[in-house]
Amino acid sequence: MKGIVIIYDDRCSVCCWFIELFKKNIIRNIECFSVRSIEARTLLRQNNIQFIELNTIFVIENAIVYKKSDAFFLLIKNSKYPLRFFIIFNVLPVNTLNFFYNVFSKNRYKISKFFTFNLNETNNFI
């Protein structure tokens, strides 16, 4: 499988908005699967991920599975400018980045209640 595979929570409007943003800005081929899909479970189990967390984004590149902030920054690294600018935050320790990722991911449904994430407006962001 060439390119990048993204596995995410397709029932989360915040997650879907970010995925659409990345789809429009990634400079490589990508495939996206719902974390609840059979394809996603199969891909993750083939890569020795047995417990699938619904609040985690998984990115598979070259048979390596990245998750949480590592996955996010891999997507940033493969994005066009100005989205790629956010790579500067990758200098923070992984534990710190994953802490913020966990806080965000656990509250993503609450966050989506305060904002309207129109998937067509991702073009206006970048």
C-alpha atoms as a PDB file:
ATOM      1  CA  MET A   1       0.000   0.000   0.000  1.00  0.00           C
ATOM      2  CA  LYS A   2       1.560   3.255  -1.098  1.00  0.00           C
ATOM      3  CA  GLY A   3       0.875   6.620   0.427  1.00  0.00           C
ATOM      4  CA  ILE A   4      -0.736   7.284   3.767  1.00  0.00           C
ATOM      5  CA  VAL A   5      -3.695   5.557   5.405  1.00  0.00           C
ATOM      6  CA  ILE A   6      -5.694   7.580   7.942  1.00  0.00           C
ATOM      7  CA  ILE A   7      -7.999   5.840  10.407  1.00  0.00           C
ATOM      8  CA  TYR A   8     -10.256   8.182  12.356  1.00  0.00           C
ATOM      9  CA  ASP A   9     -13.596   8.582  14.141  1.00  0.00           C
ATOM     10  CA  ASP A  10     -16.052   9.382  11.364  1.00  0.00           C
ATOM     11  CA  ARG A  11     -18.847  10.145  13.850  1.00  0.00           C
ATOM     12  CA  CYS A  12     -16.971  13.152  15.214  1.00  0.00           C
ATOM     13  CA  SER A  13     -17.579  16.346  13.244  1.00  0.00           C
ATOM     14  CA  VAL A  14     -14.292  17.871  14.464  1.00  0.00           C
ATOM     15  CA  CYS A  15     -12.401  14.791  13.288  1.00  0.00           C
ATOM     16  CA  CYS A  16     -14.167  14.815   9.916  1.00  0.00           C
ATOM     17  CA  TRP A  17     -13.365  18.497   9.467  1.00  0.00           C
ATOM     18  CA  PHE A  18      -9.662  17.869  10.126  1.00  0.00           C
ATOM     19  CA  ILE A  19      -9.630  14.888   7.760  1.00  0.00           C
ATOM     20  CA  GLU A  20     -11.204  16.963   4.991  1.00  0.00           C
ATOM     21  CA  LEU A  21      -8.634  19.670   5.651  1.00  0.00           C
ATOM     22  CA  PHE A  22      -5.806  17.153   5.358  1.00  0.00           C
ATOM     23  CA  LYS A  23      -7.317  15.553   2.231  1.00  0.00           C
ATOM     24  CA  LYS A  24      -7.202  18.914   0.507  1.00  0.00           C
ATOM     25  CA  ASN A  25      -3.687  19.757   1.665  1.00  0.00           C
ATOM     26  CA  ILE A  26      -1.709  16.510   1.776  1.00  0.00           C
ATOM     27  CA  ILE A  27       0.871  16.256  -0.952  1.00  0.00           C
ATOM     28  CA  ARG A  28       0.751  12.438  -1.135  1.00  0.00           C
ATOM     29  CA  ASN A  29      -1.855   9.791  -1.883  1.00  0.00           C
ATOM     30  CA  ILE A  30      -4.095   9.087   1.094  1.00  0.00           C
ATOM     31  CA  GLU A  31      -6.816   6.621   1.964  1.00  0.00           C
ATOM     32  CA  CYS A  32      -9.199   7.219   4.853  1.00  0.00           C
ATOM     33  CA  PHE A  33     -11.165   4.673   6.863  1.00  0.00           C
ATOM     34  CA  SER A  34     -13.543   4.914   9.777  1.00  0.00           C
ATOM     35  CA  VAL A  35     -12.053   3.489  12.950  1.00  0.00           C
ATOM     36  CA  ARG A  36     -15.220   1.371  13.193  1.00  0.00           C
ATOM     37  CA  SER A  37     -14.832  -0.188   9.734  1.00  0.00           C
ATOM     38  CA  ILE A  38     -13.737  -3.733   9.019  1.00  0.00           C
ATOM     39  CA  GLU A  39     -10.948  -2.410   6.779  1.00  0.00           C
ATOM     40  CA  ALA A  40      -9.530  -0.299   9.611  1.00  0.00           C
ATOM     41  CA  ARG A  41      -9.642  -3.166  12.092  1.00  0.00           C
ATOM     42  CA  THR A  42      -7.960  -5.450   9.576  1.00  0.00           C
ATOM     43  CA  LEU A  43      -5.204  -2.924   8.816  1.00  0.00           C
ATOM     44  CA  LEU A  44      -4.549  -2.248  12.494  1.00  0.00           C
ATOM     45  CA  ARG A  45      -4.497  -5.927  13.435  1.00  0.00           C
ATOM     46  CA  GLN A  46      -2.092  -6.620  10.562  1.00  0.00           C
ATOM     47  CA  ASN A  47       0.157  -4.047  12.226  1.00  0.00           C
ATOM     48  CA  ASN A  48      -0.173  -5.602  15.711  1.00  0.00           C
ATOM     49  CA  ILE A  49      -2.669  -3.074  17.113  1.00  0.00           C
ATOM     50  CA  GLN A  50      -5.195  -5.227  18.998  1.00  0.00           C
ATOM     51  CA  PHE A  51      -6.978  -2.614  21.109  1.00  0.00           C
ATOM     52  CA  ILE A  52      -8.502   0.094  18.939  1.00  0.00           C
ATOM     53  CA  GLU A  53      -9.119   3.373  20.735  1.00  0.00           C
ATOM     54  CA  LEU A  54     -12.012   5.332  19.254  1.00  0.00           C
ATOM     55  CA  ASN A  55     -10.573   8.667  20.390  1.00  0.00           C
ATOM     56  CA  THR A  56      -7.272   8.144  18.581  1.00  0.00           C
ATOM     57  CA  ILE A  57      -6.231   8.923  15.041  1.00  0.00           C
ATOM     58  CA  PHE A  58      -4.054   6.270  13.421  1.00  0.00           C
ATOM     59  CA  VAL A  59      -1.854   6.913  10.411  1.00  0.00           C
ATOM     60  CA  ILE A  60      -0.115   4.095   8.586  1.00  0.00           C
ATOM     61  CA  GLU A  61       2.865   4.877   6.399  1.00  0.00           C
ATOM     62  CA  ASN A  62       5.340   2.293   5.083  1.00  0.00           C
ATOM     63  CA  ALA A  63       3.832  -0.387   7.371  1.00  0.00           C
ATOM     64  CA  ILE A  64       4.476   1.769  10.458  1.00  0.00           C
ATOM     65  CA  VAL A  65       1.506   2.801  12.595  1.00  0.00           C
ATOM     66  CA  TYR A  66       1.574   6.271  14.105  1.00  0.00           C
ATOM     67  CA  LYS A  67      -1.027   7.410  16.588  1.00  0.00           C
ATOM     68  CA  LYS A  68      -2.099  10.490  18.524  1.00  0.00           C
ATOM     69  CA  SER A  69       0.298  13.423  18.160  1.00  0.00           C
ATOM     70  CA  ASP A  70       2.795  11.392  16.114  1.00  0.00           C
ATOM     71  CA  ALA A  71       0.056  10.728  13.551  1.00  0.00           C
ATOM     72  CA  PHE A  72      -1.048  14.359  13.568  1.00  0.00           C
ATOM     73  CA  PHE A  73       2.477  15.650  12.946  1.00  0.00           C
ATOM     74  CA  LEU A  74       3.091  13.080  10.210  1.00  0.00           C
ATOM     75  CA  LEU A  75       0.043  14.525   8.429  1.00  0.00           C
ATOM     76  CA  ILE A  76       1.301  18.071   9.040  1.00  0.00           C
ATOM     77  CA  LYS A  77       4.718  17.122   7.671  1.00  0.00           C
ATOM     78  CA  ASN A  78       3.097  15.849   4.461  1.00  0.00           C
ATOM     79  CA  SER A  79       0.863  18.895   4.033  1.00  0.00           C
ATOM     80  CA  LYS A  80       1.253  22.019   1.950  1.00  0.00           C
ATOM     81  CA  TYR A  81       2.124  25.397   3.378  1.00  0.00           C
ATOM     82  CA  PRO A  82       0.743  27.203   5.392  1.00  0.00           C
ATOM     83  CA  LEU A  83      -0.619  24.109   7.206  1.00  0.00           C
ATOM     84  CA  ARG A  84       2.917  22.750   7.374  1.00  0.00           C
ATOM     85  CA  PHE A  85       3.838  25.735   9.560  1.00  0.00           C
ATOM     86  CA  PHE A  86       2.341  23.904  12.571  1.00  0.00           C
ATOM     87  CA  ILE A  87       5.267  21.463  12.481  1.00  0.00           C
ATOM     88  CA  ILE A  88       7.130  23.911  14.754  1.00  0.00           C
ATOM     89  CA  PHE A  89       5.125  22.551  17.697  1.00  0.00           C
ATOM     90  CA  ASN A  90       6.731  19.162  17.139  1.00  0.00           C
ATOM     91  CA  VAL A  91       9.750  20.349  19.140  1.00  0.00           C
ATOM     92  CA  LEU A  92       7.745  19.798  22.325  1.00  0.00           C
ATOM     93  CA  PRO A  93       8.206  16.468  24.123  1.00  0.00           C
ATOM     94  CA  VAL A  94       5.947  13.660  22.901  1.00  0.00           C
ATOM     95  CA  ASN A  95       4.430  13.239  26.371  1.00  0.00           C
ATOM     96  CA  THR A  96       3.391  16.901  26.378  1.00  0.00           C
ATOM     97  CA  LEU A  97       1.967  16.694  22.860  1.00  0.00           C
ATOM     98  CA  ASN A  98       0.047  13.516  23.703  1.00  0.00           C
ATOM     99  CA  PHE A  99      -1.300  15.135  26.870  1.00  0.00           C
ATOM    100  CA  PHE A 100      -2.816  17.962  24.808  1.00  0.00           C
ATOM    101  CA  TYR A 101      -3.985  15.454  22.192  1.00  0.00           C
ATOM    102  CA  ASN A 102      -5.737  13.393  24.887  1.00  0.00           C
ATOM    103  CA  VAL A 103      -7.442  16.448  26.400  1.00  0.00           C
ATOM    104  CA  PHE A 104      -8.665  17.510  22.965  1.00  0.00           C
ATOM    105  CA  SER A 105      -9.766  14.039  21.879  1.00  0.00           C
ATOM    106  CA  LYS A 106     -11.680  13.339  25.072  1.00  0.00           C
ATOM    107  CA  ASN A 107     -13.576  16.616  24.688  1.00  0.00           C
ATOM    108  CA  ARG A 108     -14.050  16.614  20.916  1.00  0.00           C
ATOM    109  CA  TYR A 109     -17.796  16.007  21.086  1.00  0.00           C
ATOM    110  CA  LYS A 110     -18.198  18.875  23.553  1.00  0.00           C
ATOM    111  CA  ILE A 111     -16.080  21.108  21.318  1.00  0.00           C
ATOM    112  CA  SER A 112     -18.203  20.274  18.279  1.00  0.00           C
ATOM    113  CA  LYS A 113     -21.323  21.537  20.087  1.00  0.00           C
ATOM    114  CA  PHE A 114     -19.841  25.041  20.232  1.00  0.00           C
ATOM    115  CA  PHE A 115     -18.758  25.227  16.612  1.00  0.00           C
ATOM    116  CA  THR A 116     -20.288  24.409  13.283  1.00  0.00           C
ATOM    117  CA  PHE A 117     -17.825  22.418  11.261  1.00  0.00           C
ATOM    118  CA  ASN A 118     -18.902  22.803   7.687  1.00  0.00           C
ATOM    119  CA  LEU A 119     -16.820  20.449   5.591  1.00  0.00           C
ATOM    120  CA  ASN A 120     -17.155  22.762   2.597  1.00  0.00           C
ATOM    121  CA  GLU A 121     -15.450  25.557   4.528  1.00  0.00           C
ATOM    122  CA  THR A 122     -12.111  23.766   4.828  1.00  0.00           C
ATOM    123  CA  ASN A 123     -11.067  25.630   1.666  1.00  0.00           C
ATOM    124  CA  ASN A 124     -11.520  28.917   3.488  1.00  0.00           C
ATOM    125  CA  PHE A 125      -9.217  27.868   6.295  1.00  0.00           C
ATOM    126  CA  ILE A 126      -6.144  27.313   4.153  1.00  0.00           C
END
